[in-house]
N, C-alpha and C. Protein backbone atom coordinates (compact mmCIF):
# COMPACT_ATOMS: atom_id res chain seq x y z
N MET A 1 -3.42 1.61 -0.38
CA MET A 1 -2.05 2.02 -0.52
C MET A 1 -1.72 2.22 -2.00
N GLY A 2 -2.29 1.38 -2.83
CA GLY A 2 -2.06 1.50 -4.27
C GLY A 2 -2.57 2.83 -4.81
N LEU A 3 -3.73 3.28 -4.33
CA LEU A 3 -4.28 4.57 -4.77
C LEU A 3 -3.38 5.72 -4.32
N ALA A 4 -2.78 5.60 -3.15
CA ALA A 4 -1.88 6.64 -2.67
C ALA A 4 -0.65 6.73 -3.57
N VAL A 5 -0.11 5.59 -3.97
CA VAL A 5 1.05 5.58 -4.86
C VAL A 5 0.68 6.17 -6.21
N LEU A 6 -0.49 5.81 -6.73
CA LEU A 6 -0.95 6.41 -7.99
C LEU A 6 -1.11 7.92 -7.87
N GLY A 7 -1.55 8.38 -6.70
CA GLY A 7 -1.74 9.80 -6.47
C GLY A 7 -0.46 10.61 -6.55
N VAL A 8 0.68 9.95 -6.34
CA VAL A 8 1.95 10.64 -6.48
C VAL A 8 2.16 11.06 -7.94
N PHE A 9 1.66 10.25 -8.87
CA PHE A 9 1.90 10.48 -10.29
C PHE A 9 0.72 11.12 -11.02
N LEU A 10 -0.49 10.99 -10.48
CA LEU A 10 -1.67 11.54 -11.14
C LEU A 10 -2.12 12.80 -10.39
N PRO A 11 -2.23 13.93 -11.09
CA PRO A 11 -2.45 15.21 -10.40
C PRO A 11 -3.77 15.34 -9.66
N LEU A 12 -4.83 14.71 -10.11
CA LEU A 12 -6.12 14.91 -9.45
C LEU A 12 -6.47 13.83 -8.43
N LEU A 13 -5.61 12.84 -8.29
CA LEU A 13 -5.84 11.78 -7.31
C LEU A 13 -5.05 12.13 -6.05
N PRO A 14 -5.73 12.38 -4.94
CA PRO A 14 -5.01 12.83 -3.74
C PRO A 14 -4.21 11.70 -3.09
N THR A 15 -3.00 12.00 -2.71
CA THR A 15 -2.12 11.01 -2.09
C THR A 15 -2.37 10.91 -0.59
N THR A 16 -2.36 12.04 0.09
CA THR A 16 -2.40 12.05 1.55
C THR A 16 -3.62 11.36 2.14
N PRO A 17 -4.85 11.64 1.65
CA PRO A 17 -5.99 10.95 2.27
C PRO A 17 -5.92 9.43 2.14
N PHE A 18 -5.41 8.95 1.01
CA PHE A 18 -5.28 7.50 0.84
C PHE A 18 -4.19 6.93 1.74
N LEU A 19 -3.12 7.69 1.94
CA LEU A 19 -2.07 7.25 2.87
C LEU A 19 -2.62 7.17 4.30
N LEU A 20 -3.36 8.20 4.69
CA LEU A 20 -3.91 8.20 6.05
C LEU A 20 -4.93 7.09 6.24
N LEU A 21 -5.74 6.84 5.21
CA LEU A 21 -6.70 5.73 5.27
C LEU A 21 -5.97 4.40 5.38
N ALA A 22 -4.92 4.23 4.58
CA ALA A 22 -4.14 2.99 4.65
C ALA A 22 -3.52 2.82 6.03
N ALA A 23 -2.98 3.91 6.58
CA ALA A 23 -2.37 3.84 7.91
C ALA A 23 -3.40 3.45 8.96
N ALA A 24 -4.60 4.03 8.87
CA ALA A 24 -5.66 3.70 9.84
C ALA A 24 -6.09 2.24 9.70
N CYS A 25 -6.25 1.80 8.47
CA CYS A 25 -6.66 0.40 8.25
C CYS A 25 -5.59 -0.57 8.70
N TYR A 26 -4.33 -0.26 8.37
CA TYR A 26 -3.23 -1.14 8.79
C TYR A 26 -3.11 -1.17 10.30
N ALA A 27 -3.32 -0.03 10.96
CA ALA A 27 -3.21 0.02 12.42
C ALA A 27 -4.23 -0.90 13.08
N ARG A 28 -5.39 -1.04 12.46
CA ARG A 28 -6.44 -1.89 13.04
C ARG A 28 -6.33 -3.35 12.62
N SER A 29 -5.70 -3.61 11.47
CA SER A 29 -5.75 -4.97 10.95
C SER A 29 -4.41 -5.70 10.97
N SER A 30 -3.32 -5.00 10.77
CA SER A 30 -2.04 -5.69 10.66
C SER A 30 -0.92 -4.84 11.24
N GLU A 31 -0.39 -5.29 12.34
CA GLU A 31 0.70 -4.56 12.98
C GLU A 31 1.93 -4.54 12.07
N ARG A 32 2.14 -5.63 11.35
CA ARG A 32 3.29 -5.72 10.44
C ARG A 32 3.21 -4.66 9.33
N PHE A 33 2.05 -4.56 8.68
CA PHE A 33 1.90 -3.57 7.62
C PHE A 33 1.90 -2.15 8.17
N SER A 34 1.34 -1.97 9.34
CA SER A 34 1.33 -0.66 9.97
C SER A 34 2.76 -0.20 10.25
N ASN A 35 3.58 -1.07 10.81
CA ASN A 35 4.98 -0.75 11.07
C ASN A 35 5.73 -0.48 9.78
N TRP A 36 5.44 -1.26 8.73
CA TRP A 36 6.09 -1.06 7.44
C TRP A 36 5.76 0.33 6.89
N LEU A 37 4.50 0.71 6.96
CA LEU A 37 4.08 1.99 6.42
C LEU A 37 4.69 3.15 7.21
N LEU A 38 4.68 3.04 8.53
CA LEU A 38 5.21 4.13 9.36
C LEU A 38 6.74 4.23 9.28
N SER A 39 7.42 3.16 8.91
CA SER A 39 8.88 3.21 8.80
C SER A 39 9.32 3.39 7.34
N ASN A 40 8.37 3.49 6.41
CA ASN A 40 8.69 3.69 5.01
C ASN A 40 9.40 5.02 4.82
N ARG A 41 10.50 5.02 4.07
CA ARG A 41 11.30 6.24 3.93
C ARG A 41 10.59 7.32 3.13
N LEU A 42 9.63 6.96 2.28
CA LEU A 42 8.91 7.95 1.49
C LEU A 42 7.67 8.49 2.19
N PHE A 43 6.93 7.63 2.87
CA PHE A 43 5.63 8.00 3.42
C PHE A 43 5.60 8.11 4.93
N GLY A 44 6.50 7.41 5.61
CA GLY A 44 6.42 7.29 7.07
C GLY A 44 6.44 8.60 7.83
N LYS A 45 7.40 9.47 7.50
CA LYS A 45 7.52 10.73 8.22
C LYS A 45 6.28 11.60 8.04
N ALA A 46 5.74 11.64 6.81
CA ALA A 46 4.55 12.46 6.55
C ALA A 46 3.37 11.98 7.38
N ILE A 47 3.19 10.68 7.48
CA ILE A 47 2.07 10.12 8.26
C ILE A 47 2.27 10.40 9.74
N LYS A 48 3.48 10.17 10.23
CA LYS A 48 3.77 10.43 11.65
C LYS A 48 3.54 11.90 12.00
N ASP A 49 4.07 12.80 11.16
CA ASP A 49 3.91 14.23 11.43
C ASP A 49 2.44 14.63 11.42
N TYR A 50 1.67 14.09 10.47
CA TYR A 50 0.25 14.43 10.40
C TYR A 50 -0.48 13.90 11.63
N ARG A 51 -0.19 12.67 12.02
CA ARG A 51 -0.84 12.08 13.21
C ARG A 51 -0.52 12.87 14.47
N GLU A 52 0.70 13.38 14.56
CA GLU A 52 1.13 14.13 15.74
C GLU A 52 0.73 15.59 15.67
N GLY A 53 0.07 16.00 14.60
CA GLY A 53 -0.39 17.38 14.47
C GLY A 53 0.71 18.37 14.13
N LYS A 54 1.81 17.90 13.58
CA LYS A 54 2.93 18.78 13.27
C LYS A 54 2.72 19.56 11.97
N GLY A 55 1.87 19.07 11.09
CA GLY A 55 1.59 19.79 9.86
C GLY A 55 2.57 19.51 8.75
N ILE A 56 2.65 20.47 7.80
CA ILE A 56 3.49 20.35 6.62
C ILE A 56 4.42 21.57 6.57
N PRO A 57 5.73 21.35 6.39
CA PRO A 57 6.66 22.48 6.29
C PRO A 57 6.33 23.38 5.10
N SER A 58 6.66 24.67 5.21
CA SER A 58 6.36 25.64 4.15
C SER A 58 6.97 25.26 2.81
N LYS A 59 8.19 24.77 2.81
CA LYS A 59 8.84 24.39 1.55
C LYS A 59 8.07 23.26 0.86
N LEU A 60 7.59 22.30 1.63
CA LEU A 60 6.83 21.20 1.06
C LEU A 60 5.48 21.68 0.55
N LYS A 61 4.87 22.63 1.27
CA LYS A 61 3.61 23.22 0.80
C LYS A 61 3.83 23.91 -0.54
N ALA A 62 4.88 24.73 -0.63
CA ALA A 62 5.17 25.46 -1.86
C ALA A 62 5.45 24.50 -3.00
N LEU A 63 6.23 23.47 -2.75
CA LEU A 63 6.54 22.48 -3.78
C LEU A 63 5.27 21.75 -4.23
N SER A 64 4.44 21.37 -3.28
CA SER A 64 3.20 20.67 -3.60
C SER A 64 2.28 21.52 -4.46
N ILE A 65 2.13 22.77 -4.09
CA ILE A 65 1.25 23.67 -4.84
C ILE A 65 1.82 23.94 -6.23
N ALA A 66 3.13 24.12 -6.32
CA ALA A 66 3.76 24.36 -7.63
C ALA A 66 3.57 23.16 -8.55
N LEU A 67 3.84 21.96 -8.04
CA LEU A 67 3.67 20.76 -8.86
C LEU A 67 2.20 20.54 -9.23
N LEU A 68 1.31 20.82 -8.30
CA LEU A 68 -0.12 20.70 -8.57
C LEU A 68 -0.51 21.56 -9.77
N TRP A 69 -0.09 22.84 -9.74
CA TRP A 69 -0.50 23.76 -10.80
C TRP A 69 0.23 23.52 -12.11
N ILE A 70 1.44 23.00 -12.05
CA ILE A 70 2.13 22.63 -13.29
C ILE A 70 1.39 21.49 -13.97
N THR A 71 1.02 20.47 -13.20
CA THR A 71 0.32 19.33 -13.80
C THR A 71 -1.09 19.70 -14.24
N ILE A 72 -1.77 20.52 -13.45
CA ILE A 72 -3.11 20.96 -13.85
C ILE A 72 -3.02 21.82 -15.11
N GLY A 73 -2.05 22.72 -15.15
CA GLY A 73 -1.87 23.55 -16.33
C GLY A 73 -1.61 22.74 -17.59
N CYS A 74 -0.73 21.74 -17.47
CA CYS A 74 -0.45 20.87 -18.61
C CYS A 74 -1.68 20.06 -19.00
N SER A 75 -2.42 19.57 -18.03
CA SER A 75 -3.63 18.80 -18.31
C SER A 75 -4.66 19.66 -19.05
N VAL A 76 -4.88 20.86 -18.53
CA VAL A 76 -5.88 21.75 -19.14
C VAL A 76 -5.44 22.20 -20.53
N ALA A 77 -4.16 22.44 -20.70
CA ALA A 77 -3.66 22.94 -21.99
C ALA A 77 -3.58 21.86 -23.06
N PHE A 78 -3.18 20.64 -22.66
CA PHE A 78 -2.87 19.63 -23.67
C PHE A 78 -3.78 18.40 -23.67
N ALA A 79 -4.38 18.06 -22.55
CA ALA A 79 -5.11 16.79 -22.47
C ALA A 79 -6.62 16.94 -22.43
N VAL A 80 -7.12 18.01 -21.87
CA VAL A 80 -8.56 18.19 -21.70
C VAL A 80 -9.06 19.19 -22.73
N HIS A 81 -10.05 18.77 -23.52
CA HIS A 81 -10.54 19.63 -24.60
C HIS A 81 -11.98 20.11 -24.38
N ILE A 82 -12.61 19.64 -23.33
CA ILE A 82 -13.99 20.03 -23.04
C ILE A 82 -13.96 21.13 -21.99
N LEU A 83 -14.58 22.26 -22.30
CA LEU A 83 -14.54 23.43 -21.42
C LEU A 83 -15.03 23.11 -20.01
N ALA A 84 -16.14 22.40 -19.89
CA ALA A 84 -16.70 22.08 -18.57
C ALA A 84 -15.72 21.26 -17.74
N VAL A 85 -15.02 20.33 -18.38
CA VAL A 85 -14.04 19.51 -17.66
C VAL A 85 -12.84 20.37 -17.25
N ARG A 86 -12.44 21.28 -18.12
CA ARG A 86 -11.34 22.20 -17.77
C ARG A 86 -11.70 23.02 -16.53
N VAL A 87 -12.91 23.52 -16.50
CA VAL A 87 -13.36 24.32 -15.35
C VAL A 87 -13.37 23.47 -14.09
N ILE A 88 -13.85 22.25 -14.19
CA ILE A 88 -13.89 21.35 -13.02
C ILE A 88 -12.48 21.06 -12.53
N VAL A 89 -11.55 20.79 -13.44
CA VAL A 89 -10.16 20.51 -13.06
C VAL A 89 -9.56 21.72 -12.35
N ILE A 90 -9.79 22.91 -12.87
CA ILE A 90 -9.27 24.12 -12.24
C ILE A 90 -9.89 24.33 -10.87
N LEU A 91 -11.19 24.10 -10.73
CA LEU A 91 -11.85 24.25 -9.43
C LEU A 91 -11.31 23.24 -8.41
N ILE A 92 -11.05 22.03 -8.86
CA ILE A 92 -10.45 21.03 -7.97
C ILE A 92 -9.06 21.51 -7.54
N GLY A 93 -8.30 22.06 -8.47
CA GLY A 93 -6.98 22.60 -8.13
C GLY A 93 -7.06 23.72 -7.11
N VAL A 94 -8.03 24.59 -7.26
CA VAL A 94 -8.23 25.67 -6.28
C VAL A 94 -8.57 25.07 -4.91
N GLY A 95 -9.46 24.08 -4.90
CA GLY A 95 -9.84 23.45 -3.64
C GLY A 95 -8.66 22.77 -2.95
N VAL A 96 -7.85 22.05 -3.72
CA VAL A 96 -6.68 21.38 -3.15
C VAL A 96 -5.67 22.41 -2.64
N THR A 97 -5.49 23.49 -3.39
CA THR A 97 -4.58 24.55 -2.96
C THR A 97 -5.03 25.16 -1.64
N VAL A 98 -6.30 25.47 -1.53
CA VAL A 98 -6.84 26.03 -0.28
C VAL A 98 -6.65 25.05 0.87
N HIS A 99 -6.92 23.78 0.61
CA HIS A 99 -6.74 22.75 1.65
C HIS A 99 -5.29 22.71 2.12
N ILE A 100 -4.35 22.70 1.19
CA ILE A 100 -2.93 22.65 1.55
C ILE A 100 -2.54 23.88 2.36
N LEU A 101 -3.03 25.04 1.96
CA LEU A 101 -2.69 26.27 2.67
C LEU A 101 -3.24 26.29 4.10
N PHE A 102 -4.36 25.61 4.35
CA PHE A 102 -4.95 25.60 5.68
C PHE A 102 -4.38 24.53 6.60
N ILE A 103 -3.55 23.65 6.07
CA ILE A 103 -2.88 22.66 6.93
C ILE A 103 -1.82 23.39 7.74
N ARG A 104 -1.73 23.04 8.98
CA ARG A 104 -0.80 23.70 9.91
C ARG A 104 0.63 23.64 9.37
N THR A 105 1.37 24.73 9.56
CA THR A 105 2.79 24.80 9.21
C THR A 105 3.59 24.83 10.50
N PRO A 106 4.51 23.89 10.68
CA PRO A 106 5.30 23.88 11.93
C PRO A 106 6.21 25.09 12.01
N ARG A 107 6.36 25.59 13.21
CA ARG A 107 7.26 26.71 13.44
C ARG A 107 8.69 26.21 13.51
N ARG A 108 9.58 26.99 12.92
CA ARG A 108 11.00 26.67 13.04
C ARG A 108 11.52 27.26 14.33
N LEU A 109 12.40 26.52 14.98
CA LEU A 109 13.02 27.02 16.21
C LEU A 109 14.12 28.01 15.84
N GLU A 110 14.10 29.16 16.46
CA GLU A 110 15.14 30.16 16.24
C GLU A 110 16.41 29.73 16.97
N PRO A 111 17.58 29.96 16.36
CA PRO A 111 18.83 29.55 17.01
C PRO A 111 19.01 30.16 18.41
N SER A 112 18.50 31.36 18.62
CA SER A 112 18.68 32.02 19.92
C SER A 112 17.80 31.38 21.02
N SER A 113 16.75 30.66 20.61
CA SER A 113 15.86 30.08 21.61
C SER A 113 16.24 28.66 22.00
N LEU A 114 17.31 28.13 21.40
CA LEU A 114 17.73 26.76 21.73
C LEU A 114 18.49 26.68 23.00
């Protein structure tokens, strides 16, 4: 769970896989912690939606990709001075972007179909 929280602030540390791993571990080991994680106002809905196969809304995908590239751009421009590391960081960013784009996007219900 700690790695997932760090992933919120560190651009190359993935948040979602650590959240899902924590949810799976808590589900098997501690009902109390599992309930806490699933009812958490920051993480709970994302875990529930992912487990139920609902995916990620388009706005959240766009926000995630924008923040990813802003942090990667700042890292490459100001923090990383070795060309090989810059290339690796950019390739990781491309991989994460592709992964986010391939996650299912839930369909919005049209007002006329309600």
